[in-house]
Amino acid sequence: MRKFTSFGDFMTIIAHMFAFVYKIDMLIHLPLIEEGVFSALTINTINNEIYLRSLIVSSFLGLTLQI
């Protein structure tokens, strides 16, 4: 059995929560940007990239802490 599985899962959940809060924050600020659909698509792309990065970091943290 691995020792720190619960701690690694906890860090993964925290990283997911940060990514989710950031997505909500971007969705709230999205109507304030009045430059059209292009800026919205750009922000969505950047947002997905940040979410994927946090997902990769959280997975790495989980794997590192589970050893």
PDB file of N, CA and C in Angstrom:
ATOM      1  N   MET A   1       0.844  -1.199   0.000  1.00  0.00           N
ATOM      2  CA  MET A   1       0.000   0.000   0.000  1.00  0.00           C
ATOM      3  C   MET A   1       0.877   1.248   0.000  1.00  0.00           C
ATOM      4  N   ARG A   2       0.395   2.258  -0.702  1.00  0.00           N
ATOM      5  CA  ARG A   2       1.107   3.530  -0.693  1.00  0.00           C
ATOM      6  C   ARG A   2       0.686   4.344   0.519  1.00  0.00           C
ATOM      7  N   LYS A   3       1.612   5.112   1.044  1.00  0.00           N
ATOM      8  CA  LYS A   3       1.344   5.789   2.308  1.00  0.00           C
ATOM      9  C   LYS A   3       0.519   7.065   2.125  1.00  0.00           C
ATOM     10  N   PHE A   4       0.911   7.926   1.184  1.00  0.00           N
ATOM     11  CA  PHE A   4       0.341   9.260   1.117  1.00  0.00           C
ATOM     12  C   PHE A   4      -0.694   9.403   0.001  1.00  0.00           C
ATOM     13  N   THR A   5      -1.475   8.348  -0.222  1.00  0.00           N
ATOM     14  CA  THR A   5      -2.468   8.392  -1.290  1.00  0.00           C
ATOM     15  C   THR A   5      -3.518   9.457  -1.005  1.00  0.00           C
ATOM     16  N   SER A   6      -3.985   9.521   0.247  1.00  0.00           N
ATOM     17  CA  SER A   6      -5.043  10.479   0.575  1.00  0.00           C
ATOM     18  C   SER A   6      -4.525  11.909   0.439  1.00  0.00           C
ATOM     19  N   PHE A   7      -3.264  12.150   0.807  1.00  0.00           N
ATOM     20  CA  PHE A   7      -2.710  13.496   0.691  1.00  0.00           C
ATOM     21  C   PHE A   7      -2.546  13.883  -0.780  1.00  0.00           C
ATOM     22  N   GLY A   8      -2.122  12.925  -1.614  1.00  0.00           N
ATOM     23  CA  GLY A   8      -1.992  13.216  -3.037  1.00  0.00           C
ATOM     24  C   GLY A   8      -3.339  13.506  -3.663  1.00  0.00           C
ATOM     25  N   ASP A   9      -4.364  12.732  -3.270  1.00  0.00           N
ATOM     26  CA  ASP A   9      -5.713  12.980  -3.769  1.00  0.00           C
ATOM     27  C   ASP A   9      -6.206  14.341  -3.305  1.00  0.00           C
ATOM     28  N   PHE A  10      -5.883  14.701  -2.063  1.00  0.00           N
ATOM     29  CA  PHE A  10      -6.280  15.997  -1.517  1.00  0.00           C
ATOM     30  C   PHE A  10      -5.667  17.133  -2.332  1.00  0.00           C
ATOM     31  N   MET A  11      -4.367  17.034  -2.651  1.00  0.00           N
ATOM     32  CA  MET A  11      -3.713  18.063  -3.456  1.00  0.00           C
ATOM     33  C   MET A  11      -4.324  18.131  -4.851  1.00  0.00           C
ATOM     34  N   THR A  12      -4.689  16.974  -5.416  1.00  0.00           N
ATOM     35  CA  THR A  12      -5.328  16.959  -6.731  1.00  0.00           C
ATOM     36  C   THR A  12      -6.663  17.675  -6.687  1.00  0.00           C
ATOM     37  N   ILE A  13      -7.447  17.417  -5.630  1.00  0.00           N
ATOM     38  CA  ILE A  13      -8.752  18.066  -5.489  1.00  0.00           C
ATOM     39  C   ILE A  13      -8.569  19.570  -5.346  1.00  0.00           C
ATOM     40  N   ILE A  14      -7.554  20.003  -4.586  1.00  0.00           N
ATOM     41  CA  ILE A  14      -7.316  21.439  -4.405  1.00  0.00           C
ATOM     42  C   ILE A  14      -6.941  22.084  -5.735  1.00  0.00           C
ATOM     43  N   ALA A  15      -6.105  21.411  -6.522  1.00  0.00           N
ATOM     44  CA  ALA A  15      -5.732  21.963  -7.818  1.00  0.00           C
ATOM     45  C   ALA A  15      -6.944  22.054  -8.737  1.00  0.00           C
ATOM     46  N   HIS A  16      -7.809  21.041  -8.699  1.00  0.00           N
ATOM     47  CA  HIS A  16      -9.043  21.082  -9.489  1.00  0.00           C
ATOM     48  C   HIS A  16      -9.924  22.238  -9.046  1.00  0.00           C
ATOM     49  N   MET A  17     -10.004  22.474  -7.733  1.00  0.00           N
ATOM     50  CA  MET A  17     -10.837  23.561  -7.220  1.00  0.00           C
ATOM     51  C   MET A  17     -10.299  24.902  -7.682  1.00  0.00           C
ATOM     52  N   PHE A  18      -8.960  25.080  -7.659  1.00  0.00           N
ATOM     53  CA  PHE A  18      -8.383  26.331  -8.131  1.00  0.00           C
ATOM     54  C   PHE A  18      -8.695  26.549  -9.599  1.00  0.00           C
ATOM     55  N   ALA A  19      -8.566  25.486 -10.398  1.00  0.00           N
ATOM     56  CA  ALA A  19      -8.858  25.609 -11.826  1.00  0.00           C
ATOM     57  C   ALA A  19     -10.329  25.939 -12.040  1.00  0.00           C
ATOM     58  N   PHE A  20     -11.207  25.305 -11.257  1.00  0.00           N
ATOM     59  CA  PHE A  20     -12.642  25.536 -11.409  1.00  0.00           C
ATOM     60  C   PHE A  20     -12.999  26.964 -11.019  1.00  0.00           C
ATOM     61  N   VAL A  21     -12.424  27.461  -9.917  1.00  0.00           N
ATOM     62  CA  VAL A  21     -12.683  28.837  -9.484  1.00  0.00           C
ATOM     63  C   VAL A  21     -12.197  29.810 -10.550  1.00  0.00           C
ATOM     64  N   TYR A  22     -11.036  29.524 -11.164  1.00  0.00           N
ATOM     65  CA  TYR A  22     -10.525  30.401 -12.204  1.00  0.00           C
ATOM     66  C   TYR A  22     -11.460  30.402 -13.408  1.00  0.00           C
ATOM     67  N   LYS A  23     -12.005  29.235 -13.766  1.00  0.00           N
ATOM     68  CA  LYS A  23     -12.953  29.162 -14.881  1.00  0.00           C
ATOM     69  C   LYS A  23     -14.195  29.991 -14.574  1.00  0.00           C
ATOM     70  N   ILE A  24     -14.726  29.889 -13.355  1.00  0.00           N
ATOM     71  CA  ILE A  24     -15.904  30.669 -12.967  1.00  0.00           C
ATOM     72  C   ILE A  24     -15.578  32.160 -13.041  1.00  0.00           C
ATOM     73  N   ASP A  25     -14.380  32.532 -12.556  1.00  0.00           N
ATOM     74  CA  ASP A  25     -13.965  33.932 -12.568  1.00  0.00           C
ATOM     75  C   ASP A  25     -13.907  34.458 -13.996  1.00  0.00           C
ATOM     76  N   MET A  26     -13.363  33.662 -14.919  1.00  0.00           N
ATOM     77  CA  MET A  26     -13.282  34.089 -16.310  1.00  0.00           C
ATOM     78  C   MET A  26     -14.680  34.188 -16.923  1.00  0.00           C
ATOM     79  N   LEU A  27     -15.584  33.272 -16.546  1.00  0.00           N
ATOM     80  CA  LEU A  27     -16.945  33.330 -17.078  1.00  0.00           C
ATOM     81  C   LEU A  27     -17.672  34.576 -16.582  1.00  0.00           C
ATOM     82  N   ILE A  28     -17.393  34.984 -15.332  1.00  0.00           N
ATOM     83  CA  ILE A  28     -18.041  36.177 -14.795  1.00  0.00           C
ATOM     84  C   ILE A  28     -17.524  37.425 -15.518  1.00  0.00           C
ATOM     85  N   HIS A  29     -16.229  37.480 -15.789  1.00  0.00           N
ATOM     86  CA  HIS A  29     -15.655  38.657 -16.424  1.00  0.00           C
ATOM     87  C   HIS A  29     -15.831  38.661 -17.937  1.00  0.00           C
ATOM     88  N   LEU A  30     -16.328  37.555 -18.495  1.00  0.00           N
ATOM     89  CA  LEU A  30     -16.461  37.464 -19.944  1.00  0.00           C
ATOM     90  C   LEU A  30     -17.418  38.502 -20.525  1.00  0.00           C
ATOM     91  N   PRO A  31     -18.605  38.748 -19.924  1.00  0.00           N
ATOM     92  CA  PRO A  31     -19.492  39.751 -20.516  1.00  0.00           C
ATOM     93  C   PRO A  31     -18.944  41.167 -20.450  1.00  0.00           C
ATOM     94  N   LEU A  32     -17.966  41.419 -19.569  1.00  0.00           N
ATOM     95  CA  LEU A  32     -17.419  42.770 -19.448  1.00  0.00           C
ATOM     96  C   LEU A  32     -16.522  43.120 -20.625  1.00  0.00           C
ATOM     97  N   ILE A  33     -16.070  42.109 -21.365  1.00  0.00           N
ATOM     98  CA  ILE A  33     -15.183  42.351 -22.500  1.00  0.00           C
ATOM     99  C   ILE A  33     -16.040  42.552 -23.743  1.00  0.00           C
ATOM    100  N   GLU A  34     -15.923  43.722 -24.359  1.00  0.00           N
ATOM    101  CA  GLU A  34     -16.815  44.079 -25.460  1.00  0.00           C
ATOM    102  C   GLU A  34     -16.061  44.150 -26.770  1.00  0.00           C
ATOM    103  N   GLU A  35     -15.216  43.156 -27.027  1.00  0.00           N
ATOM    104  CA  GLU A  35     -14.453  43.178 -28.272  1.00  0.00           C
ATOM    105  C   GLU A  35     -14.951  42.130 -29.248  1.00  0.00           C
ATOM    106  N   GLY A  36     -16.052  41.452 -28.921  1.00  0.00           N
ATOM    107  CA  GLY A  36     -16.633  40.520 -29.867  1.00  0.00           C
ATOM    108  C   GLY A  36     -16.291  39.072 -29.562  1.00  0.00           C
ATOM    109  N   VAL A  37     -16.617  38.217 -30.524  1.00  0.00           N
ATOM    110  CA  VAL A  37     -16.497  36.778 -30.324  1.00  0.00           C
ATOM    111  C   VAL A  37     -15.042  36.342 -30.302  1.00  0.00           C
ATOM    112  N   PHE A  38     -14.181  37.043 -31.020  1.00  0.00           N
ATOM    113  CA  PHE A  38     -12.780  36.623 -31.123  1.00  0.00           C
ATOM    114  C   PHE A  38     -12.108  36.631 -29.764  1.00  0.00           C
ATOM    115  N   SER A  39     -12.319  37.711 -28.994  1.00  0.00           N
ATOM    116  CA  SER A  39     -11.691  37.784 -27.675  1.00  0.00           C
ATOM    117  C   SER A  39     -12.248  36.709 -26.750  1.00  0.00           C
ATOM    118  N   ALA A  40     -13.568  36.421 -26.885  1.00  0.00           N
ATOM    119  CA  ALA A  40     -14.166  35.378 -26.055  1.00  0.00           C
ATOM    120  C   ALA A  40     -13.548  34.020 -26.382  1.00  0.00           C
ATOM    121  N   LEU A  41     -13.359  33.735 -27.672  1.00  0.00           N
ATOM    122  CA  LEU A  41     -12.750  32.462 -28.060  1.00  0.00           C
ATOM    123  C   LEU A  41     -11.303  32.394 -27.585  1.00  0.00           C
ATOM    124  N   THR A  42     -10.591  33.522 -27.679  1.00  0.00           N
ATOM    125  CA  THR A  42      -9.203  33.546 -27.220  1.00  0.00           C
ATOM    126  C   THR A  42      -9.127  33.268 -25.723  1.00  0.00           C
ATOM    127  N   ILE A  43     -10.012  33.925 -24.962  1.00  0.00           N
ATOM    128  CA  ILE A  43     -10.014  33.725 -23.511  1.00  0.00           C
ATOM    129  C   ILE A  43     -10.366  32.278 -23.183  1.00  0.00           C
ATOM    130  N   ASN A  44     -11.309  31.694 -23.935  1.00  0.00           N
ATOM    131  CA  ASN A  44     -11.688  30.309 -23.682  1.00  0.00           C
ATOM    132  C   ASN A  44     -10.505  29.374 -23.949  1.00  0.00           C
ATOM    133  N   THR A  45      -9.753  29.654 -25.008  1.00  0.00           N
ATOM    134  CA  THR A  45      -8.585  28.824 -25.320  1.00  0.00           C
ATOM    135  C   THR A  45      -7.534  28.943 -24.221  1.00  0.00           C
ATOM    136  N   ILE A  46      -7.251  30.177 -23.780  1.00  0.00           N
ATOM    137  CA  ILE A  46      -6.271  30.387 -22.711  1.00  0.00           C
ATOM    138  C   ILE A  46      -6.743  29.703 -21.436  1.00  0.00           C
ATOM    139  N   ASN A  47      -8.055  29.798 -21.166  1.00  0.00           N
ATOM    140  CA  ASN A  47      -8.633  29.203 -19.971  1.00  0.00           C
ATOM    141  C   ASN A  47      -8.466  27.689 -19.984  1.00  0.00           C
ATOM    142  N   ASN A  48      -8.750  27.063 -21.134  1.00  0.00           N
ATOM    143  CA  ASN A  48      -8.600  25.608 -21.231  1.00  0.00           C
ATOM    144  C   ASN A  48      -7.141  25.209 -21.067  1.00  0.00           C
ATOM    145  N   GLU A  49      -6.234  26.013 -21.609  1.00  0.00           N
ATOM    146  CA  GLU A  49      -4.809  25.706 -21.477  1.00  0.00           C
ATOM    147  C   GLU A  49      -4.377  25.775 -20.020  1.00  0.00           C
ATOM    148  N   ILE A  50      -4.856  26.795 -19.303  1.00  0.00           N
ATOM    149  CA  ILE A  50      -4.520  26.920 -17.884  1.00  0.00           C
ATOM    150  C   ILE A  50      -5.097  25.750 -17.098  1.00  0.00           C
ATOM    151  N   TYR A  51      -6.329  25.338 -17.448  1.00  0.00           N
ATOM    152  CA  TYR A  51      -6.950  24.205 -16.759  1.00  0.00           C
ATOM    153  C   TYR A  51      -6.144  22.931 -16.996  1.00  0.00           C
ATOM    154  N   LEU A  52      -5.700  22.727 -18.256  1.00  0.00           N
ATOM    155  CA  LEU A  52      -4.908  21.537 -18.560  1.00  0.00           C
ATOM    156  C   LEU A  52      -3.573  21.568 -17.828  1.00  0.00           C
ATOM    157  N   ARG A  53      -2.949  22.753 -17.771  1.00  0.00           N
ATOM    158  CA  ARG A  53      -1.677  22.856 -17.043  1.00  0.00           C
ATOM    159  C   ARG A  53      -1.866  22.510 -15.575  1.00  0.00           C
ATOM    160  N   SER A  54      -2.935  23.055 -14.952  1.00  0.00           N
ATOM    161  CA  SER A  54      -3.165  22.759 -13.537  1.00  0.00           C
ATOM    162  C   SER A  54      -3.470  21.283 -13.347  1.00  0.00           C
ATOM    163  N   LEU A  55      -4.168  20.684 -14.344  1.00  0.00           N
ATOM    164  CA  LEU A  55      -4.458  19.252 -14.271  1.00  0.00           C
ATOM    165  C   LEU A  55      -3.166  18.445 -14.307  1.00  0.00           C
ATOM    166  N   ILE A  56      -2.242  18.827 -15.209  1.00  0.00           N
ATOM    167  CA  ILE A  56      -0.960  18.131 -15.306  1.00  0.00           C
ATOM    168  C   ILE A  56      -0.159  18.304 -14.018  1.00  0.00           C
ATOM    169  N   VAL A  57      -0.152  19.538 -13.492  1.00  0.00           N
ATOM    170  CA  VAL A  57       0.598  19.794 -12.256  1.00  0.00           C
ATOM    171  C   VAL A  57       0.007  19.000 -11.104  1.00  0.00           C
ATOM    172  N   SER A  58      -1.344  18.961 -11.023  1.00  0.00           N
ATOM    173  CA  SER A  58      -1.974  18.229  -9.930  1.00  0.00           C
ATOM    174  C   SER A  58      -1.694  16.729 -10.051  1.00  0.00           C
ATOM    175  N   SER A  59      -1.715  16.207 -11.277  1.00  0.00           N
ATOM    176  CA  SER A  59      -1.409  14.793 -11.464  1.00  0.00           C
ATOM    177  C   SER A  59       0.038  14.512 -11.066  1.00  0.00           C
ATOM    178  N   PHE A  60       0.947  15.426 -11.442  1.00  0.00           N
ATOM    179  CA  PHE A  60       2.355  15.258 -11.073  1.00  0.00           C
ATOM    180  C   PHE A  60       2.525  15.292  -9.562  1.00  0.00           C
ATOM    181  N   LEU A  61       1.834  16.248  -8.904  1.00  0.00           N
ATOM    182  CA  LEU A  61       1.901  16.324  -7.443  1.00  0.00           C
ATOM    183  C   LEU A  61       1.365  15.047  -6.816  1.00  0.00           C
ATOM    184  N   GLY A  62       0.230  14.567  -7.345  1.00  0.00           N
ATOM    185  CA  GLY A  62      -0.351  13.349  -6.799  1.00  0.00           C
ATOM    186  C   GLY A  62       0.591  12.165  -6.934  1.00  0.00           C
ATOM    187  N   LEU A  63       1.207  12.032  -8.110  1.00  0.00           N
ATOM    188  CA  LEU A  63       2.127  10.908  -8.321  1.00  0.00           C
ATOM    189  C   LEU A  63       3.368  11.045  -7.457  1.00  0.00           C
ATOM    190  N   THR A  64       3.858  12.300  -7.294  1.00  0.00           N
ATOM    191  CA  THR A  64       5.061  12.509  -6.496  1.00  0.00           C
ATOM    192  C   THR A  64       4.806  12.184  -5.033  1.00  0.00           C
ATOM    193  N   LEU A  65       3.635  12.620  -4.528  1.00  0.00           N
ATOM    194  CA  LEU A  65       3.359  12.431  -3.112  1.00  0.00           C
ATOM    195  C   LEU A  65       2.920  11.009  -2.797  1.00  0.00           C
ATOM    196  N   GLN A  66       2.558  10.220  -3.810  1.00  0.00           N
ATOM    197  CA  GLN A  66       2.100   8.869  -3.548  1.00  0.00           C
ATOM    198  C   GLN A  66       3.240   7.861  -3.467  1.00  0.00           C
ATOM    199  N   ILE A  67       4.462   8.275  -3.762  1.00  0.00           N
ATOM    200  CA  ILE A  67       5.588   7.330  -3.747  1.00  0.00           C
ATOM    201  C   ILE A  67       5.880   6.902  -2.302  1.00  0.00           C
TER     202      ILE A  67
END
